[in-house]
Amino acid sequence: MNTNQEIIQPAELKSLLPSGCCLIDVREPVEHAEEHIVGAKLIPLGQLEQRSDEIDRKAPVVVMCRSGKRGAEAMKKLHALGITNVRNLEGGILAWKGDGLPVGKSRGNSMPLMQQVQLTIGFGVLTGAILALTVHPNWVFLCAFFGAGLTMAGSTGWCGLAILMSKMPWNRVAGQSCCASGNCSL
């Protein structure tokens, strides 16, 4: 569990940003493109070790994700790499937005990743139920498969389907950070 020294509240981060901190967004590129804290450097959690040289070790480091779970994992990885001046944005971007703080956006009319995941799961369960009723009862296992996936995602905070969907061609994001190219809008 995080101690008070390892977490940072949204209001405190807002006041720290102008004075210079290294804010690392550990979400996937499609999530960052949907909405992000302006000035955050995108380094997805799975790339953190390989790209740790991009982190400014002289400034305070803050990691952030959607709700705080991946941020906690990022802190563990950074501590293992010898970067100890790290804090996690408690509640992630959801808490940031919940406090009414601004977010940048760089995506066009594309559907948000979580909505894509929900549609995929809903379609899979509906298809499994219809096929179980009309074709063969064993199709009920398709519903069970999606139910097991939802149970795992809910209990661990890790959603394999979301990771898979983030890699689909329609979710690819050009470049690593929209802020570096000046394409952000508040």
N, C-alpha and C. Protein backbone atom coordinates (compact mmCIF):
# COMPACT_ATOMS: atom_id res chain seq x y z
N MET A 1 0.84 -1.19 0.00
CA MET A 1 0.00 0.00 0.00
C MET A 1 0.88 1.25 0.00
N ASN A 2 0.45 2.29 -0.66
CA ASN A 2 1.22 3.53 -0.74
C ASN A 2 1.19 4.27 0.59
N THR A 3 2.31 4.89 0.92
CA THR A 3 2.34 5.78 2.07
C THR A 3 2.02 7.18 1.57
N ASN A 4 1.80 8.10 2.51
CA ASN A 4 1.46 9.47 2.13
C ASN A 4 2.57 10.14 1.32
N GLN A 5 3.85 9.74 1.54
CA GLN A 5 4.96 10.32 0.79
C GLN A 5 4.99 9.81 -0.65
N GLU A 6 4.31 8.70 -0.92
CA GLU A 6 4.36 8.11 -2.25
C GLU A 6 3.19 8.51 -3.13
N ILE A 7 2.22 9.23 -2.59
CA ILE A 7 1.07 9.66 -3.39
C ILE A 7 1.04 11.18 -3.44
N ILE A 8 0.35 11.66 -4.45
CA ILE A 8 0.15 13.10 -4.59
C ILE A 8 -1.30 13.32 -5.00
N GLN A 9 -1.91 14.30 -4.42
CA GLN A 9 -3.30 14.64 -4.74
C GLN A 9 -3.32 15.53 -5.98
N PRO A 10 -4.43 15.53 -6.73
CA PRO A 10 -4.52 16.36 -7.94
C PRO A 10 -4.20 17.83 -7.72
N ALA A 11 -4.72 18.44 -6.67
CA ALA A 11 -4.47 19.86 -6.42
C ALA A 11 -2.99 20.14 -6.17
N GLU A 12 -2.33 19.23 -5.46
CA GLU A 12 -0.90 19.40 -5.20
C GLU A 12 -0.10 19.26 -6.49
N LEU A 13 -0.49 18.30 -7.33
CA LEU A 13 0.19 18.14 -8.62
C LEU A 13 0.01 19.38 -9.48
N LYS A 14 -1.20 19.94 -9.48
CA LYS A 14 -1.46 21.15 -10.28
C LYS A 14 -0.51 22.27 -9.87
N SER A 15 -0.26 22.42 -8.58
CA SER A 15 0.64 23.48 -8.13
C SER A 15 2.10 23.13 -8.37
N LEU A 16 2.43 21.83 -8.49
CA LEU A 16 3.81 21.40 -8.71
C LEU A 16 4.21 21.50 -10.19
N LEU A 17 3.26 21.34 -11.09
CA LEU A 17 3.57 21.33 -12.53
C LEU A 17 4.32 22.57 -13.01
N PRO A 18 3.91 23.78 -12.66
CA PRO A 18 4.63 24.96 -13.16
C PRO A 18 6.07 25.07 -12.64
N SER A 19 6.32 24.53 -11.46
CA SER A 19 7.67 24.64 -10.88
C SER A 19 8.61 23.56 -11.41
N GLY A 20 8.10 22.64 -12.17
CA GLY A 20 8.95 21.65 -12.81
C GLY A 20 8.97 20.31 -12.12
N CYS A 21 8.16 19.42 -12.61
CA CYS A 21 8.23 18.02 -12.19
C CYS A 21 8.16 17.20 -13.47
N CYS A 22 8.58 15.97 -13.37
CA CYS A 22 8.55 15.07 -14.52
C CYS A 22 7.31 14.21 -14.37
N LEU A 23 6.25 14.56 -15.10
CA LEU A 23 4.98 13.84 -15.04
C LEU A 23 4.97 12.77 -16.13
N ILE A 24 4.88 11.51 -15.71
CA ILE A 24 4.91 10.37 -16.63
C ILE A 24 3.52 9.73 -16.66
N ASP A 25 2.93 9.66 -17.85
CA ASP A 25 1.65 8.99 -18.07
C ASP A 25 1.97 7.57 -18.51
N VAL A 26 1.58 6.57 -17.69
CA VAL A 26 1.93 5.18 -17.98
C VAL A 26 0.80 4.41 -18.67
N ARG A 27 -0.20 5.14 -19.16
CA ARG A 27 -1.29 4.48 -19.87
C ARG A 27 -0.86 4.17 -21.30
N GLU A 28 -1.73 3.55 -22.06
CA GLU A 28 -1.46 3.24 -23.46
C GLU A 28 -1.64 4.50 -24.32
N PRO A 29 -0.98 4.56 -25.48
CA PRO A 29 -1.08 5.75 -26.34
C PRO A 29 -2.51 6.17 -26.68
N VAL A 30 -3.40 5.21 -26.92
CA VAL A 30 -4.77 5.57 -27.27
C VAL A 30 -5.47 6.23 -26.09
N GLU A 31 -5.19 5.79 -24.87
CA GLU A 31 -5.79 6.41 -23.68
C GLU A 31 -5.26 7.83 -23.50
N HIS A 32 -3.95 8.00 -23.70
CA HIS A 32 -3.33 9.32 -23.58
C HIS A 32 -3.91 10.28 -24.61
N ALA A 33 -4.12 9.78 -25.83
CA ALA A 33 -4.65 10.63 -26.89
C ALA A 33 -6.09 11.05 -26.59
N GLU A 34 -6.87 10.17 -25.95
CA GLU A 34 -8.25 10.49 -25.62
C GLU A 34 -8.32 11.67 -24.66
N GLU A 35 -7.47 11.63 -23.62
CA GLU A 35 -7.40 12.72 -22.65
C GLU A 35 -6.15 12.52 -21.80
N HIS A 36 -5.54 13.63 -21.43
CA HIS A 36 -4.30 13.58 -20.67
C HIS A 36 -4.10 14.90 -19.93
N ILE A 37 -3.20 14.87 -18.98
CA ILE A 37 -2.79 16.10 -18.32
C ILE A 37 -1.75 16.74 -19.22
N VAL A 38 -1.98 17.97 -19.61
CA VAL A 38 -1.07 18.66 -20.51
C VAL A 38 0.31 18.74 -19.86
N GLY A 39 1.31 18.35 -20.61
CA GLY A 39 2.68 18.34 -20.12
C GLY A 39 3.15 16.96 -19.70
N ALA A 40 2.23 16.00 -19.62
CA ALA A 40 2.62 14.64 -19.24
C ALA A 40 3.38 13.97 -20.37
N LYS A 41 4.44 13.27 -20.02
CA LYS A 41 5.22 12.51 -20.99
C LYS A 41 4.66 11.10 -21.02
N LEU A 42 4.31 10.62 -22.20
CA LEU A 42 3.74 9.29 -22.35
C LEU A 42 4.87 8.25 -22.41
N ILE A 43 4.90 7.39 -21.40
CA ILE A 43 5.77 6.20 -21.40
C ILE A 43 4.90 5.07 -20.87
N PRO A 44 4.30 4.27 -21.77
CA PRO A 44 3.42 3.19 -21.30
C PRO A 44 4.14 2.27 -20.31
N LEU A 45 3.37 1.72 -19.39
CA LEU A 45 3.92 0.88 -18.32
C LEU A 45 4.83 -0.22 -18.86
N GLY A 46 4.44 -0.85 -19.95
CA GLY A 46 5.23 -1.93 -20.53
C GLY A 46 6.55 -1.48 -21.13
N GLN A 47 6.74 -0.18 -21.32
CA GLN A 47 7.98 0.35 -21.90
C GLN A 47 8.84 1.09 -20.88
N LEU A 48 8.41 1.09 -19.63
CA LEU A 48 9.06 1.92 -18.62
C LEU A 48 10.53 1.58 -18.43
N GLU A 49 10.86 0.31 -18.34
CA GLU A 49 12.26 -0.06 -18.14
C GLU A 49 13.13 0.35 -19.33
N GLN A 50 12.66 0.09 -20.54
CA GLN A 50 13.44 0.41 -21.74
C GLN A 50 13.61 1.91 -21.94
N ARG A 51 12.67 2.71 -21.49
CA ARG A 51 12.70 4.14 -21.74
C ARG A 51 12.99 4.97 -20.48
N SER A 52 13.52 4.33 -19.45
CA SER A 52 13.76 5.03 -18.19
C SER A 52 14.77 6.16 -18.33
N ASP A 53 15.61 6.10 -19.38
CA ASP A 53 16.58 7.18 -19.60
C ASP A 53 15.90 8.49 -20.01
N GLU A 54 14.63 8.44 -20.38
CA GLU A 54 13.89 9.64 -20.77
C GLU A 54 13.32 10.38 -19.56
N ILE A 55 13.48 9.81 -18.37
CA ILE A 55 12.92 10.41 -17.16
C ILE A 55 13.94 11.34 -16.54
N ASP A 56 13.51 12.57 -16.28
CA ASP A 56 14.37 13.58 -15.65
C ASP A 56 14.51 13.23 -14.17
N ARG A 57 15.67 12.72 -13.80
CA ARG A 57 15.90 12.28 -12.43
C ARG A 57 16.22 13.43 -11.48
N LYS A 58 16.44 14.63 -12.03
CA LYS A 58 16.75 15.79 -11.18
C LYS A 58 15.48 16.42 -10.63
N ALA A 59 14.38 16.24 -11.32
CA ALA A 59 13.11 16.82 -10.90
C ALA A 59 12.30 15.76 -10.15
N PRO A 60 11.33 16.20 -9.34
CA PRO A 60 10.42 15.22 -8.73
C PRO A 60 9.67 14.49 -9.84
N VAL A 61 9.52 13.18 -9.70
CA VAL A 61 8.83 12.36 -10.70
C VAL A 61 7.45 11.99 -10.17
N VAL A 62 6.45 12.20 -11.02
CA VAL A 62 5.08 11.81 -10.69
C VAL A 62 4.59 10.89 -11.80
N VAL A 63 4.05 9.74 -11.42
CA VAL A 63 3.47 8.83 -12.41
C VAL A 63 1.96 8.91 -12.29
N MET A 64 1.29 8.69 -13.40
CA MET A 64 -0.17 8.74 -13.41
C MET A 64 -0.71 7.75 -14.42
N CYS A 65 -1.92 7.29 -14.16
CA CYS A 65 -2.63 6.40 -15.08
C CYS A 65 -4.11 6.78 -15.04
N ARG A 66 -4.98 5.83 -15.28
CA ARG A 66 -6.41 6.12 -15.27
C ARG A 66 -6.94 6.28 -13.85
N SER A 67 -6.61 5.31 -12.96
CA SER A 67 -7.19 5.34 -11.62
C SER A 67 -6.17 5.19 -10.49
N GLY A 68 -4.92 4.92 -10.83
CA GLY A 68 -3.88 4.81 -9.81
C GLY A 68 -3.22 3.45 -9.71
N LYS A 69 -3.85 2.40 -10.24
CA LYS A 69 -3.30 1.04 -10.11
C LYS A 69 -2.03 0.86 -10.95
N ARG A 70 -2.08 1.26 -12.22
CA ARG A 70 -0.87 1.14 -13.04
C ARG A 70 0.21 2.09 -12.55
N GLY A 71 -0.18 3.22 -11.99
CA GLY A 71 0.78 4.15 -11.41
C GLY A 71 1.54 3.51 -10.26
N ALA A 72 0.85 2.73 -9.43
CA ALA A 72 1.50 2.03 -8.33
C ALA A 72 2.49 1.00 -8.87
N GLU A 73 2.12 0.31 -9.95
CA GLU A 73 3.05 -0.64 -10.58
C GLU A 73 4.26 0.09 -11.15
N ALA A 74 4.02 1.25 -11.75
CA ALA A 74 5.12 2.04 -12.31
C ALA A 74 6.09 2.47 -11.21
N MET A 75 5.56 2.84 -10.05
CA MET A 75 6.43 3.23 -8.94
C MET A 75 7.35 2.07 -8.55
N LYS A 76 6.80 0.86 -8.47
CA LYS A 76 7.61 -0.31 -8.13
C LYS A 76 8.73 -0.51 -9.15
N LYS A 77 8.39 -0.38 -10.43
CA LYS A 77 9.40 -0.55 -11.48
C LYS A 77 10.48 0.53 -11.38
N LEU A 78 10.07 1.77 -11.16
CA LEU A 78 11.04 2.86 -11.07
C LEU A 78 11.92 2.72 -9.83
N HIS A 79 11.35 2.30 -8.72
CA HIS A 79 12.16 2.06 -7.52
C HIS A 79 13.20 0.99 -7.80
N ALA A 80 12.81 -0.07 -8.52
CA ALA A 80 13.76 -1.14 -8.87
C ALA A 80 14.88 -0.63 -9.77
N LEU A 81 14.60 0.43 -10.54
CA LEU A 81 15.61 1.03 -11.41
C LEU A 81 16.45 2.09 -10.69
N GLY A 82 16.18 2.30 -9.41
CA GLY A 82 16.96 3.26 -8.64
C GLY A 82 16.40 4.68 -8.64
N ILE A 83 15.21 4.86 -9.21
CA ILE A 83 14.56 6.18 -9.21
C ILE A 83 13.61 6.19 -8.02
N THR A 84 14.00 6.89 -6.96
CA THR A 84 13.25 6.80 -5.71
C THR A 84 12.39 8.03 -5.42
N ASN A 85 12.66 9.14 -6.06
CA ASN A 85 11.89 10.36 -5.83
C ASN A 85 10.63 10.34 -6.71
N VAL A 86 9.75 9.35 -6.46
CA VAL A 86 8.59 9.10 -7.31
C VAL A 86 7.32 9.14 -6.46
N ARG A 87 6.29 9.77 -7.03
CA ARG A 87 4.97 9.77 -6.39
C ARG A 87 3.93 9.38 -7.43
N ASN A 88 2.83 8.82 -6.95
CA ASN A 88 1.74 8.36 -7.81
C ASN A 88 0.55 9.30 -7.63
N LEU A 89 -0.02 9.76 -8.73
CA LEU A 89 -1.22 10.60 -8.67
C LEU A 89 -2.38 9.74 -8.17
N GLU A 90 -2.80 9.99 -6.94
CA GLU A 90 -3.86 9.19 -6.34
C GLU A 90 -5.16 9.37 -7.12
N GLY A 91 -5.72 8.26 -7.55
CA GLY A 91 -6.96 8.29 -8.32
C GLY A 91 -6.77 8.56 -9.79
N GLY A 92 -5.52 8.78 -10.22
CA GLY A 92 -5.20 8.97 -11.63
C GLY A 92 -5.94 10.12 -12.28
N ILE A 93 -6.10 10.02 -13.59
CA ILE A 93 -6.74 11.10 -14.33
C ILE A 93 -8.23 11.22 -13.96
N LEU A 94 -8.81 10.12 -13.46
CA LEU A 94 -10.21 10.21 -13.02
C LEU A 94 -10.34 11.18 -11.85
N ALA A 95 -9.41 11.13 -10.89
CA ALA A 95 -9.44 12.07 -9.76
C ALA A 95 -9.12 13.49 -10.23
N TRP A 96 -8.17 13.60 -11.17
CA TRP A 96 -7.80 14.92 -11.73
C TRP A 96 -9.04 15.58 -12.32
N LYS A 97 -9.75 14.85 -13.17
CA LYS A 97 -10.97 15.39 -13.78
C LYS A 97 -12.07 15.59 -12.74
N GLY A 98 -12.13 14.69 -11.77
CA GLY A 98 -13.13 14.80 -10.71
C GLY A 98 -12.98 16.08 -9.91
N ASP A 99 -11.75 16.59 -9.83
CA ASP A 99 -11.50 17.87 -9.15
C ASP A 99 -11.70 19.07 -10.07
N GLY A 100 -12.19 18.81 -11.29
CA GLY A 100 -12.47 19.89 -12.23
C GLY A 100 -11.23 20.47 -12.90
N LEU A 101 -10.13 19.73 -12.89
CA LEU A 101 -8.89 20.22 -13.50
C LEU A 101 -8.90 19.90 -15.00
N PRO A 102 -8.23 20.74 -15.80
CA PRO A 102 -8.32 20.59 -17.26
C PRO A 102 -7.52 19.41 -17.80
N VAL A 103 -8.01 18.87 -18.91
CA VAL A 103 -7.30 17.81 -19.62
C VAL A 103 -7.13 18.22 -21.08
N GLY A 104 -6.06 17.73 -21.69
CA GLY A 104 -5.84 17.92 -23.11
C GLY A 104 -6.42 16.75 -23.86
N LYS A 105 -6.78 16.99 -25.10
CA LYS A 105 -7.33 15.93 -25.95
C LYS A 105 -6.70 16.07 -27.32
N SER A 106 -6.43 14.93 -27.94
CA SER A 106 -5.86 15.00 -29.28
C SER A 106 -6.52 14.04 -30.25
N ARG A 107 -7.53 13.32 -29.83
CA ARG A 107 -8.20 12.39 -30.72
C ARG A 107 -9.35 13.08 -31.44
N GLY A 108 -9.64 12.57 -32.61
CA GLY A 108 -10.77 13.08 -33.37
C GLY A 108 -12.06 12.48 -32.85
N ASN A 109 -12.82 11.91 -33.74
CA ASN A 109 -14.13 11.35 -33.38
C ASN A 109 -14.07 9.87 -33.04
N SER A 110 -12.91 9.34 -32.76
CA SER A 110 -12.77 7.93 -32.47
C SER A 110 -13.45 7.58 -31.14
N MET A 111 -13.96 6.37 -31.05
CA MET A 111 -14.65 5.91 -29.85
C MET A 111 -13.64 5.64 -28.73
N PRO A 112 -13.92 6.07 -27.50
CA PRO A 112 -13.00 5.81 -26.39
C PRO A 112 -12.74 4.31 -26.21
N LEU A 113 -11.54 3.98 -25.76
CA LEU A 113 -11.12 2.60 -25.61
C LEU A 113 -12.06 1.79 -24.72
N MET A 114 -12.45 2.33 -23.57
CA MET A 114 -13.33 1.57 -22.67
C MET A 114 -14.69 1.31 -23.30
N GLN A 115 -15.16 2.22 -24.12
CA GLN A 115 -16.43 2.00 -24.81
C GLN A 115 -16.27 0.88 -25.84
N GLN A 116 -15.12 0.82 -26.51
CA GLN A 116 -14.85 -0.27 -27.45
C GLN A 116 -14.84 -1.61 -26.73
N VAL A 117 -14.21 -1.65 -25.56
CA VAL A 117 -14.16 -2.88 -24.76
C VAL A 117 -15.56 -3.30 -24.34
N GLN A 118 -16.36 -2.35 -23.86
CA GLN A 118 -17.71 -2.67 -23.43
C GLN A 118 -18.56 -3.20 -24.59
N LEU A 119 -18.44 -2.59 -25.75
CA LEU A 119 -19.19 -3.06 -26.92
C LEU A 119 -18.76 -4.48 -27.32
N THR A 120 -17.45 -4.73 -27.29
CA THR A 120 -16.95 -6.05 -27.66
C THR A 120 -17.46 -7.12 -26.70
N ILE A 121 -17.40 -6.84 -25.41
CA ILE A 121 -17.88 -7.81 -24.42
C ILE A 121 -19.38 -8.00 -24.55
N GLY A 122 -20.12 -6.92 -24.68
CA GLY A 122 -21.57 -7.01 -24.82
C GLY A 122 -21.96 -7.81 -26.05
N PHE A 123 -21.28 -7.55 -27.17
CA PHE A 123 -21.58 -8.29 -28.40
C PHE A 123 -21.23 -9.77 -28.23
N GLY A 124 -20.12 -10.07 -27.57
CA GLY A 124 -19.71 -11.46 -27.34
C GLY A 124 -20.70 -12.22 -26.48
N VAL A 125 -21.17 -11.58 -25.42
CA VAL A 125 -22.14 -12.23 -24.52
C VAL A 125 -23.47 -12.42 -25.24
N LEU A 126 -23.94 -11.40 -25.94
CA LEU A 126 -25.20 -11.50 -26.67
C LEU A 126 -25.12 -12.60 -27.74
N THR A 127 -24.03 -12.63 -28.48
CA THR A 127 -23.84 -13.66 -29.52
C THR A 127 -23.84 -15.06 -28.90
N GLY A 128 -23.08 -15.20 -27.79
CA GLY A 128 -23.03 -16.51 -27.12
C GLY A 128 -24.40 -16.96 -26.64
N ALA A 129 -25.18 -16.03 -26.09
CA ALA A 129 -26.51 -16.39 -25.60
C ALA A 129 -27.44 -16.79 -26.74
N ILE A 130 -27.41 -16.03 -27.83
CA ILE A 130 -28.28 -16.35 -28.97
C ILE A 130 -27.89 -17.70 -29.58
N LEU A 131 -26.58 -17.93 -29.76
CA LEU A 131 -26.13 -19.20 -30.33
C LEU A 131 -26.42 -20.37 -29.39
N ALA A 132 -26.34 -20.16 -28.08
CA ALA A 132 -26.65 -21.23 -27.12
C ALA A 132 -28.14 -21.61 -27.18
N LEU A 133 -28.98 -20.61 -27.43
CA LEU A 133 -30.42 -20.88 -27.52
C LEU A 133 -30.85 -21.47 -28.85
N THR A 134 -30.14 -21.11 -29.94
CA THR A 134 -30.61 -21.50 -31.28
C THR A 134 -29.76 -22.57 -31.97
N VAL A 135 -28.48 -22.67 -31.63
CA VAL A 135 -27.60 -23.60 -32.35
C VAL A 135 -27.19 -24.78 -31.48
N HIS A 136 -26.50 -24.49 -30.38
CA HIS A 136 -26.02 -25.57 -29.50
C HIS A 136 -25.78 -24.99 -28.11
N PRO A 137 -26.17 -25.71 -27.06
CA PRO A 137 -26.02 -25.19 -25.70
C PRO A 137 -24.57 -24.89 -25.29
N ASN A 138 -23.60 -25.50 -25.94
CA ASN A 138 -22.20 -25.25 -25.57
C ASN A 138 -21.74 -23.82 -25.87
N TRP A 139 -22.51 -23.10 -26.67
CA TRP A 139 -22.14 -21.71 -26.94
C TRP A 139 -22.23 -20.85 -25.68
N VAL A 140 -22.84 -21.37 -24.63
CA VAL A 140 -22.92 -20.64 -23.37
C VAL A 140 -21.51 -20.39 -22.82
N PHE A 141 -20.54 -21.21 -23.23
CA PHE A 141 -19.17 -21.02 -22.75
C PHE A 141 -18.54 -19.73 -23.30
N LEU A 142 -19.06 -19.21 -24.40
CA LEU A 142 -18.60 -17.91 -24.88
C LEU A 142 -18.99 -16.82 -23.86
N CYS A 143 -20.20 -16.92 -23.34
CA CYS A 143 -20.64 -15.98 -22.30
C CYS A 143 -19.77 -16.14 -21.05
N ALA A 144 -19.48 -17.39 -20.68
CA ALA A 144 -18.64 -17.65 -19.51
C ALA A 144 -17.24 -17.08 -19.71
N PHE A 145 -16.71 -17.17 -20.92
CA PHE A 145 -15.38 -16.63 -21.22
C PHE A 145 -15.34 -15.12 -20.96
N PHE A 146 -16.34 -14.42 -21.49
CA PHE A 146 -16.38 -12.97 -21.28
C PHE A 146 -16.63 -12.63 -19.81
N GLY A 147 -17.46 -13.40 -19.14
CA GLY A 147 -17.71 -13.18 -17.72
C GLY A 147 -16.44 -13.37 -16.89
N ALA A 148 -15.66 -14.40 -17.21
CA ALA A 148 -14.40 -14.64 -16.50
C ALA A 148 -13.43 -13.48 -16.75
N GLY A 149 -13.39 -12.99 -17.97
CA GLY A 149 -12.52 -11.86 -18.29
C GLY A 149 -12.90 -10.61 -17.52
N LEU A 150 -14.20 -10.35 -17.43
CA LEU A 150 -14.67 -9.19 -16.65
C LEU A 150 -14.35 -9.34 -15.17
N THR A 151 -14.51 -10.56 -14.66
CA THR A 151 -14.20 -10.81 -13.25
C THR A 151 -12.72 -10.57 -12.97
N MET A 152 -11.87 -11.04 -13.86
CA MET A 152 -10.43 -10.84 -13.68
C MET A 152 -10.08 -9.35 -13.77
N ALA A 153 -10.64 -8.67 -14.76
CA ALA A 153 -10.36 -7.23 -14.92
C ALA A 153 -10.82 -6.45 -13.70
N GLY A 154 -11.98 -6.79 -13.18
CA GLY A 154 -12.51 -6.08 -12.02
C GLY A 154 -11.72 -6.35 -10.75
N SER A 155 -11.20 -7.55 -10.62
CA SER A 155 -10.49 -7.89 -9.38
C SER A 155 -9.03 -7.48 -9.39
N THR A 156 -8.42 -7.37 -10.59
CA THR A 156 -6.99 -7.05 -10.65
C THR A 156 -6.69 -5.67 -11.21
N GLY A 157 -7.64 -5.08 -11.92
CA GLY A 157 -7.37 -3.80 -12.57
C GLY A 157 -6.65 -3.97 -13.89
N TRP A 158 -6.41 -5.21 -14.32
CA TRP A 158 -5.72 -5.51 -15.57
C TRP A 158 -6.74 -6.07 -16.55
N CYS A 159 -6.86 -5.44 -17.70
CA CYS A 159 -7.83 -5.88 -18.70
C CYS A 159 -7.10 -6.24 -19.99
N GLY A 160 -6.96 -7.53 -20.22
CA GLY A 160 -6.27 -8.01 -21.43
C GLY A 160 -6.96 -7.55 -22.69
N LEU A 161 -8.28 -7.51 -22.69
CA LEU A 161 -9.00 -7.06 -23.88
C LEU A 161 -8.71 -5.60 -24.18
N ALA A 162 -8.63 -4.77 -23.15
CA ALA A 162 -8.31 -3.35 -23.37
C ALA A 162 -6.91 -3.20 -23.95
N ILE A 163 -5.97 -3.99 -23.46
CA ILE A 163 -4.60 -3.93 -23.99
C ILE A 163 -4.60 -4.37 -25.44
N LEU A 164 -5.29 -5.47 -25.73
CA LEU A 164 -5.38 -5.96 -27.11
C LEU A 164 -6.04 -4.92 -28.01
N MET A 165 -7.14 -4.34 -27.57
CA MET A 165 -7.86 -3.36 -28.39
C MET A 165 -7.01 -2.10 -28.61
N SER A 166 -6.18 -1.74 -27.62
CA SER A 166 -5.35 -0.53 -27.78
C SER A 166 -4.32 -0.70 -28.89
N LYS A 167 -4.04 -1.94 -29.27
CA LYS A 167 -3.05 -2.22 -30.30
C LYS A 167 -3.67 -2.36 -31.70
N MET A 168 -4.99 -2.28 -31.79
CA MET A 168 -5.67 -2.41 -33.07
C MET A 168 -5.34 -1.20 -33.97
N PRO A 169 -5.34 -1.41 -35.28
CA PRO A 169 -4.95 -0.33 -36.20
C PRO A 169 -5.75 0.96 -36.03
N TRP A 170 -7.04 0.87 -35.73
CA TRP A 170 -7.85 2.08 -35.60
C TRP A 170 -7.53 2.84 -34.31
N ASN A 171 -6.79 2.21 -33.39
CA ASN A 171 -6.42 2.88 -32.14
C ASN A 171 -4.97 3.32 -32.12
N ARG A 172 -4.27 3.15 -33.21
CA ARG A 172 -2.87 3.58 -33.24
C ARG A 172 -2.81 5.10 -33.24
N VAL A 173 -1.85 5.61 -32.50
CA VAL A 173 -1.68 7.04 -32.37
C VAL A 173 -0.34 7.40 -32.98
N ALA A 174 -0.34 8.37 -33.87
CA ALA A 174 0.91 8.81 -34.49
C ALA A 174 1.75 9.53 -33.45
N GLY A 175 3.03 9.21 -33.37
CA GLY A 175 3.93 9.86 -32.41
C GLY A 175 3.71 9.34 -31.01
N GLN A 176 4.56 9.78 -30.10
CA GLN A 176 4.46 9.29 -28.73
C GLN A 176 3.65 10.22 -27.85
N SER A 177 3.73 11.49 -28.10
CA SER A 177 3.02 12.43 -27.24
C SER A 177 2.47 13.56 -28.08
N CYS A 178 1.18 13.79 -27.99
CA CYS A 178 0.57 14.86 -28.78
C CYS A 178 1.07 16.22 -28.30
N CYS A 179 1.42 16.32 -27.02
CA CYS A 179 1.87 17.62 -26.49
C CYS A 179 3.17 18.07 -27.14
N ALA A 180 4.04 17.11 -27.45
CA ALA A 180 5.33 17.47 -28.06
C ALA A 180 5.12 18.06 -29.44
N SER A 181 4.05 17.66 -30.12
CA SER A 181 3.81 18.17 -31.46
C SER A 181 2.90 19.39 -31.47
N GLY A 182 2.41 19.78 -30.30
CA GLY A 182 1.57 20.97 -30.22
C GLY A 182 0.14 20.73 -30.60
N ASN A 183 -0.33 19.46 -30.61
CA ASN A 183 -1.69 19.16 -31.03
C ASN A 183 -2.67 19.08 -29.86
N CYS A 184 -2.29 19.58 -28.71
CA CYS A 184 -3.17 19.50 -27.54
C CYS A 184 -4.22 20.60 -27.60
N SER A 185 -5.34 20.31 -27.00
CA SER A 185 -6.35 21.35 -26.82
C SER A 185 -7.00 21.14 -25.47
N LEU A 186 -7.25 22.23 -24.76
CA LEU A 186 -7.91 22.12 -23.47
C LEU A 186 -9.39 22.35 -23.62
